[in-house]
């Protein structure tokens, strides 16, 4: 899964590193958590990763449109689970922010192959 490429192709805006200055319209993304979701024979075979994507713009309508578009693309293209969108105004940056939180299940095929070969 390459979130940076998906964001940039879906929205036609740059996906920046968190340390980069925000020059809207743009997006940032980051993994907030991961936890085991399926364990068998003492080995983790699936991990659930939790991500957040922030979309930044000066225009509220632009944020709503882009956030909804990306939310749908995440669900259809990478199988993101429970993509939830929210919208707010950042008073410090004086810009609108659309936020998407979602879960992504990552299978560990190496662990499964190791079990079968032993």
Foldseek 3Di string as FASTA:
>chain_A
DDVQVLLCVQLVAHEDDPPDDDDPQYKYKDWDDKDADDDDPNHGFKMKIKMKMKGKHLDPVSQVVSLVSSLVCCCPPQNWAPWDWDKDADPVVNIIIIMTMTIHMDGDVVVVVVVVVD
